[in-house]
C-alpha atoms as a PDB file:
ATOM      1  CA  UNK A   1       0.000   0.000   0.000  1.00  0.00           C
ATOM      2  CA  UNK A   2       1.305   3.424  -0.986  1.00  0.00           C
ATOM      3  CA  UNK A   3       0.370   7.084  -1.105  1.00  0.00           C
ATOM      4  CA  UNK A   4      -1.448   7.294  -4.438  1.00  0.00           C
ATOM      5  CA  UNK A   5      -1.037  10.963  -5.340  1.00  0.00           C
ATOM      6  CA  UNK A   6       0.404  14.342  -4.499  1.00  0.00           C
ATOM      7  CA  UNK A   7       3.941  15.217  -3.463  1.00  0.00           C
ATOM      8  CA  UNK A   8       4.475  12.013  -1.425  1.00  0.00           C
ATOM      9  CA  UNK A   9       3.119   9.758  -4.181  1.00  0.00           C
ATOM     10  CA  UNK A  10       4.638   6.280  -4.033  1.00  0.00           C
ATOM     11  CA  UNK A  11       5.712   6.420  -0.370  1.00  0.00           C
ATOM     12  CA  UNK A  12       4.911   2.986   1.105  1.00  0.00           C
ATOM     13  CA  UNK A  13       2.647   2.796   4.158  1.00  0.00           C
ATOM     14  CA  UNK A  14       3.027   0.189   6.875  1.00  0.00           C
ATOM     15  CA  UNK A  15      -0.016  -1.604   8.219  1.00  0.00           C
ATOM     16  CA  UNK A  16      -0.370  -3.700  11.356  1.00  0.00           C
ATOM     17  CA  UNK A  17       0.015  -7.435  10.915  1.00  0.00           C
ATOM     18  CA  UNK A  18      -3.158  -9.477  11.123  1.00  0.00           C
ATOM     19  CA  UNK A  19      -6.715  -8.530  10.298  1.00  0.00           C
ATOM     20  CA  UNK A  20      -7.298  -5.836  12.922  1.00  0.00           C
ATOM     21  CA  UNK A  21      -7.457  -3.210  10.151  1.00  0.00           C
ATOM     22  CA  UNK A  22      -8.747  -3.148   6.585  1.00  0.00           C
ATOM     23  CA  UNK A  23      -6.777  -0.459   4.773  1.00  0.00           C
ATOM     24  CA  UNK A  24      -8.510   1.637   2.129  1.00  0.00           C
ATOM     25  CA  UNK A  25      -7.344   0.524  -1.300  1.00  0.00           C
ATOM     26  CA  UNK A  26      -5.104   2.739  -3.413  1.00  0.00           C
ATOM     27  CA  UNK A  27      -7.764   2.846  -6.131  1.00  0.00           C
ATOM     28  CA  UNK A  28     -10.504   3.932  -3.742  1.00  0.00           C
ATOM     29  CA  UNK A  29      -8.310   6.660  -2.278  1.00  0.00           C
ATOM     30  CA  UNK A  30      -7.476   7.888  -5.797  1.00  0.00           C
ATOM     31  CA  UNK A  31     -11.182   8.116  -6.610  1.00  0.00           C
ATOM     32  CA  UNK A  32     -11.956   9.915  -3.346  1.00  0.00           C
ATOM     33  CA  UNK A  33      -9.230  12.498  -3.800  1.00  0.00           C
ATOM     34  CA  UNK A  34     -10.055  13.031  -7.461  1.00  0.00           C
ATOM     35  CA  UNK A  35     -13.584  13.867  -6.305  1.00  0.00           C
ATOM     36  CA  UNK A  36     -12.359  16.165  -3.534  1.00  0.00           C
ATOM     37  CA  UNK A  37      -9.991  18.020  -5.874  1.00  0.00           C
ATOM     38  CA  UNK A  38      -8.835  21.395  -4.563  1.00  0.00           C
ATOM     39  CA  UNK A  39     -11.010  21.094  -1.438  1.00  0.00           C
ATOM     40  CA  UNK A  40      -8.053  19.273   0.123  1.00  0.00           C
ATOM     41  CA  UNK A  41      -5.569  22.121  -0.289  1.00  0.00           C
ATOM     42  CA  UNK A  42      -5.117  23.916   3.024  1.00  0.00           C
ATOM     43  CA  UNK A  43      -7.807  21.775   4.711  1.00  0.00           C
ATOM     44  CA  UNK A  44      -7.714  20.449   8.259  1.00  0.00           C
ATOM     45  CA  UNK A  45      -8.840  16.830   8.533  1.00  0.00           C
ATOM     46  CA  UNK A  46     -10.064  14.339  11.101  1.00  0.00           C
ATOM     47  CA  UNK A  47      -9.302  10.700  10.276  1.00  0.00           C
ATOM     48  CA  UNK A  48     -11.556   8.483  12.438  1.00  0.00           C
ATOM     49  CA  UNK A  49     -10.801   4.750  12.664  1.00  0.00           C
ATOM     50  CA  UNK A  50      -7.492   5.730  11.075  1.00  0.00           C
ATOM     51  CA  UNK A  51      -5.970   2.247  10.744  1.00  0.00           C
ATOM     52  CA  UNK A  52      -2.742   2.998   8.846  1.00  0.00           C
ATOM     53  CA  UNK A  53      -3.635   6.673   8.467  1.00  0.00           C
ATOM     54  CA  UNK A  54      -3.941   6.306   4.697  1.00  0.00           C
ATOM     55  CA  UNK A  55      -6.806   8.773   4.186  1.00  0.00           C
ATOM     56  CA  UNK A  56      -5.279  11.536   6.295  1.00  0.00           C
ATOM     57  CA  UNK A  57      -1.789  11.021   4.884  1.00  0.00           C
ATOM     58  CA  UNK A  58      -3.171  11.031   1.353  1.00  0.00           C
ATOM     59  CA  UNK A  59      -4.770  14.391   2.181  1.00  0.00           C
ATOM     60  CA  UNK A  60      -1.462  15.663   3.559  1.00  0.00           C
ATOM     61  CA  UNK A  61       0.364  14.585   0.390  1.00  0.00           C
ATOM     62  CA  UNK A  62      -2.195  16.508  -1.652  1.00  0.00           C
ATOM     63  CA  UNK A  63      -1.861  19.764   0.262  1.00  0.00           C
ATOM     64  CA  UNK A  64      -3.874  19.496   3.488  1.00  0.00           C
ATOM     65  CA  UNK A  65      -2.596  21.749   6.274  1.00  0.00           C
ATOM     66  CA  UNK A  66      -2.777  19.036   8.952  1.00  0.00           C
ATOM     67  CA  UNK A  67      -5.136  17.070  11.103  1.00  0.00           C
ATOM     68  CA  UNK A  68      -5.906  14.472  13.710  1.00  0.00           C
ATOM     69  CA  UNK A  69      -5.778  10.687  13.408  1.00  0.00           C
ATOM     70  CA  UNK A  70      -7.930   8.695  15.846  1.00  0.00           C
ATOM     71  CA  UNK A  71      -7.135   4.999  16.223  1.00  0.00           C
ATOM     72  CA  UNK A  72      -7.940   2.784  19.205  1.00  0.00           C
ATOM     73  CA  UNK A  73      -5.649  -0.162  18.434  1.00  0.00           C
ATOM     74  CA  UNK A  74      -2.124   0.380  19.779  1.00  0.00           C
ATOM     75  CA  UNK A  75      -0.354  -1.449  16.946  1.00  0.00           C
ATOM     76  CA  UNK A  76      -2.306   0.469  14.316  1.00  0.00           C
ATOM     77  CA  UNK A  77      -1.612   3.788  16.086  1.00  0.00           C
ATOM     78  CA  UNK A  78       2.109   2.928  16.031  1.00  0.00           C
ATOM     79  CA  UNK A  79       1.843   2.315  12.277  1.00  0.00           C
ATOM     80  CA  UNK A  80       0.163   5.714  11.841  1.00  0.00           C
ATOM     81  CA  UNK A  81       3.095   7.352  13.634  1.00  0.00           C
ATOM     82  CA  UNK A  82       5.621   5.535  11.411  1.00  0.00           C
ATOM     83  CA  UNK A  83       3.670   6.491   8.313  1.00  0.00           C
ATOM     84  CA  UNK A  84       3.502  10.140   9.406  1.00  0.00           C
ATOM     85  CA  UNK A  85       7.272  10.135   9.809  1.00  0.00           C
ATOM     86  CA  UNK A  86       7.812   8.678   6.322  1.00  0.00           C
ATOM     87  CA  UNK A  87       5.353  11.008   4.590  1.00  0.00           C
ATOM     88  CA  UNK A  88       6.574  14.125   6.418  1.00  0.00           C
ATOM     89  CA  UNK A  89      10.169  13.254   5.529  1.00  0.00           C
ATOM     90  CA  UNK A  90       9.150  12.961   1.875  1.00  0.00           C
ATOM     91  CA  UNK A  91       7.327  16.297   2.070  1.00  0.00           C
ATOM     92  CA  UNK A  92      10.227  17.992   3.864  1.00  0.00           C
ATOM     93  CA  UNK A  93       8.059  19.125   6.762  1.00  0.00           C
ATOM     94  CA  UNK A  94       7.747  18.364  10.433  1.00  0.00           C
ATOM     95  CA  UNK A  95       4.734  16.674  11.958  1.00  0.00           C
ATOM     96  CA  UNK A  96       3.669  19.418  14.386  1.00  0.00           C
ATOM     97  CA  UNK A  97       0.367  19.916  12.503  1.00  0.00           C
ATOM     98  CA  UNK A  98      -0.511  16.239  12.938  1.00  0.00           C
ATOM     99  CA  UNK A  99      -1.819  14.504  16.043  1.00  0.00           C
ATOM    100  CA  UNK A 100      -2.372  10.807  16.707  1.00  0.00           C
ATOM    101  CA  UNK A 101      -4.934  10.045  19.404  1.00  0.00           C
ATOM    102  CA  UNK A 102      -5.062   6.477  20.613  1.00  0.00           C
ATOM    103  CA  UNK A 103      -8.735   6.532  21.481  1.00  0.00           C
ATOM    104  CA  UNK A 104     -12.105   5.113  20.514  1.00  0.00           C
ATOM    105  CA  UNK A 105     -13.421   7.117  17.551  1.00  0.00           C
ATOM    106  CA  UNK A 106     -16.957   6.563  18.855  1.00  0.00           C
ATOM    107  CA  UNK A 107     -16.283   8.465  22.072  1.00  0.00           C
ATOM    108  CA  UNK A 108     -13.317  10.784  21.423  1.00  0.00           C
ATOM    109  CA  UNK A 109     -14.298  14.408  22.143  1.00  0.00           C
ATOM    110  CA  UNK A 110     -15.323  16.242  18.985  1.00  0.00           C
ATOM    111  CA  UNK A 111     -15.527  19.830  20.107  1.00  0.00           C
ATOM    112  CA  UNK A 112     -16.466  22.643  17.707  1.00  0.00           C
ATOM    113  CA  UNK A 113     -13.394  24.677  18.700  1.00  0.00           C
ATOM    114  CA  UNK A 114     -11.157  23.401  15.901  1.00  0.00           C
ATOM    115  CA  UNK A 115     -13.644  21.914  13.446  1.00  0.00           C
ATOM    116  CA  UNK A 116     -12.050  20.081  10.512  1.00  0.00           C
ATOM    117  CA  UNK A 117     -12.850  20.761   6.866  1.00  0.00           C
ATOM    118  CA  UNK A 118     -12.753  17.049   6.012  1.00  0.00           C
ATOM    119  CA  UNK A 119     -13.684  14.022   8.110  1.00  0.00           C
ATOM    120  CA  UNK A 120     -12.603  10.592   6.912  1.00  0.00           C
ATOM    121  CA  UNK A 121     -14.432   7.642   8.470  1.00  0.00           C
ATOM    122  CA  UNK A 122     -13.385   4.083   7.650  1.00  0.00           C
ATOM    123  CA  UNK A 123     -14.655   1.861  10.491  1.00  0.00           C
ATOM    124  CA  UNK A 124     -14.835  -1.921  10.602  1.00  0.00           C
ATOM    125  CA  UNK A 125     -17.754  -2.692   8.299  1.00  0.00           C
ATOM    126  CA  UNK A 126     -19.513  -4.915  10.833  1.00  0.00           C
ATOM    127  CA  UNK A 127     -20.083  -2.020  13.274  1.00  0.00           C
ATOM    128  CA  UNK A 128     -21.244   0.669  10.817  1.00  0.00           C
ATOM    129  CA  UNK A 129     -24.998   0.121  11.205  1.00  0.00           C
ATOM    130  CA  UNK A 130     -24.669   0.353  14.997  1.00  0.00           C
ATOM    131  CA  UNK A 131     -22.383   3.381  15.221  1.00  0.00           C
ATOM    132  CA  UNK A 132     -23.338   5.579  12.257  1.00  0.00           C
ATOM    133  CA  UNK A 133     -26.419   7.360  13.705  1.00  0.00           C
ATOM    134  CA  UNK A 134     -24.676   8.427  16.927  1.00  0.00           C
ATOM    135  CA  UNK A 135     -21.463   9.310  15.097  1.00  0.00           C
ATOM    136  CA  UNK A 136     -23.290  11.579  12.633  1.00  0.00           C
ATOM    137  CA  UNK A 137     -25.164  13.211  15.540  1.00  0.00           C
ATOM    138  CA  UNK A 138     -21.856  13.968  17.259  1.00  0.00           C
ATOM    139  CA  UNK A 139     -20.323  15.263  14.032  1.00  0.00           C
ATOM    140  CA  UNK A 140     -23.255  17.621  13.460  1.00  0.00           C
ATOM    141  CA  UNK A 141     -22.355  19.460  16.660  1.00  0.00           C
ATOM    142  CA  UNK A 142     -18.618  19.382  16.033  1.00  0.00           C
ATOM    143  CA  UNK A 143     -18.965  20.714  12.486  1.00  0.00           C
ATOM    144  CA  UNK A 144     -21.534  23.425  13.271  1.00  0.00           C
ATOM    145  CA  UNK A 145     -18.826  26.080  12.854  1.00  0.00           C
ATOM    146  CA  UNK A 146     -17.957  24.735   9.376  1.00  0.00           C
ATOM    147  CA  UNK A 147     -21.183  24.143   7.438  1.00  0.00           C
ATOM    148  CA  UNK A 148     -19.218  23.347   4.264  1.00  0.00           C
ATOM    149  CA  UNK A 149     -17.262  20.530   5.922  1.00  0.00           C
ATOM    150  CA  UNK A 150     -17.424  17.177   4.175  1.00  0.00           C
ATOM    151  CA  UNK A 151     -17.686  13.740   5.731  1.00  0.00           C
ATOM    152  CA  UNK A 152     -16.145  10.976   3.606  1.00  0.00           C
ATOM    153  CA  UNK A 153     -17.432   7.596   4.820  1.00  0.00           C
ATOM    154  CA  UNK A 154     -16.162   4.250   3.492  1.00  0.00           C
ATOM    155  CA  UNK A 155     -18.711   1.438   3.688  1.00  0.00           C
ATOM    156  CA  UNK A 156     -19.581  -1.823   1.943  1.00  0.00           C
ATOM    157  CA  UNK A 157     -21.615  -1.528  -1.249  1.00  0.00           C
ATOM    158  CA  UNK A 158     -24.595  -3.405   0.160  1.00  0.00           C
ATOM    159  CA  UNK A 159     -25.066  -0.857   2.967  1.00  0.00           C
ATOM    160  CA  UNK A 160     -26.816   2.471   2.497  1.00  0.00           C
ATOM    161  CA  UNK A 161     -26.542   5.304   4.992  1.00  0.00           C
ATOM    162  CA  UNK A 162     -29.141   8.077   5.227  1.00  0.00           C
ATOM    163  CA  UNK A 163     -28.292   9.897   8.466  1.00  0.00           C
ATOM    164  CA  UNK A 164     -30.902  12.383   9.680  1.00  0.00           C
ATOM    165  CA  UNK A 165     -29.817  15.974   9.097  1.00  0.00           C
ATOM    166  CA  UNK A 166     -27.258  15.065   6.437  1.00  0.00           C
ATOM    167  CA  UNK A 167     -27.288  15.138   2.644  1.00  0.00           C
ATOM    168  CA  UNK A 168     -25.417  12.515   0.657  1.00  0.00           C
ATOM    169  CA  UNK A 169     -23.706  14.398  -2.142  1.00  0.00           C
ATOM    170  CA  UNK A 170     -22.281  11.436  -4.036  1.00  0.00           C
ATOM    171  CA  UNK A 171     -21.244   7.827  -3.747  1.00  0.00           C
ATOM    172  CA  UNK A 172     -18.226   6.206  -5.367  1.00  0.00           C
ATOM    173  CA  UNK A 173     -18.081   2.489  -6.121  1.00  0.00           C
ATOM    174  CA  UNK A 174     -20.741   0.021  -7.076  1.00  0.00           C
ATOM    175  CA  UNK A 175     -22.110  -3.321  -6.168  1.00  0.00           C
ATOM    176  CA  UNK A 176     -22.408  -5.545  -3.157  1.00  0.00           C
ATOM    177  CA  UNK A 177     -19.266  -6.889  -1.526  1.00  0.00           C
ATOM    178  CA  UNK A 178     -17.240  -3.957  -2.833  1.00  0.00           C
ATOM    179  CA  UNK A 179     -16.008  -0.978  -0.849  1.00  0.00           C
ATOM    180  CA  UNK A 180     -17.778   2.278  -1.614  1.00  0.00           C
ATOM    181  CA  UNK A 181     -17.380   5.808  -0.311  1.00  0.00           C
ATOM    182  CA  UNK A 182     -20.208   8.246   0.372  1.00  0.00           C
ATOM    183  CA  UNK A 183     -19.733  12.011   0.726  1.00  0.00           C
ATOM    184  CA  UNK A 184     -21.996  13.817   3.198  1.00  0.00           C
ATOM    185  CA  UNK A 185     -22.599  17.409   4.226  1.00  0.00           C
ATOM    186  CA  UNK A 186     -24.837  18.637   7.009  1.00  0.00           C
ATOM    187  CA  UNK A 187     -28.223  19.473   5.427  1.00  0.00           C
ATOM    188  CA  UNK A 188     -28.234  23.039   6.663  1.00  0.00           C
ATOM    189  CA  UNK A 189     -25.469  23.791   4.150  1.00  0.00           C
ATOM    190  CA  UNK A 190     -26.258  24.076   0.470  1.00  0.00           C
ATOM    191  CA  UNK A 191     -24.662  21.241  -1.549  1.00  0.00           C
END
């Protein structure tokens, strides 16, 4: 697995051994960031269920200002830190604009004080139906200061999310048993 675009393109990313994480594929990340385009440049991000940190690091490679990675698993969080080091070295910058929180993404504080422009969510597929409603409710409060913020949610093709108070702007990927990504914005903002 590698960074698929931007200045750090081609930098390999380490992932924890075993099946504790399911990294986003290079192709899916390319499609996501092609869709996001210039919205990434200068953006602050929040990468929930970070795994290897691929979504946030892809954003960094493509011009994001910085962000926060939230990962509960200790081995995965260690991989995120190693990947940050490799990507920052490639970019010739330090990592002071990046934070790794080893915490549960379902309960980590999401205060409106430093609302991100982009939120990447790539949880274990088997928990999505249970966690999505509460997670979107929490994000609505955290993103109130940034009505144009986007939530990028990876989910299996057979699952459809329609969170109350949110508008799905687009969905990438097709078919059951395939990863897809849905883009959401709080409904109070015009799409």
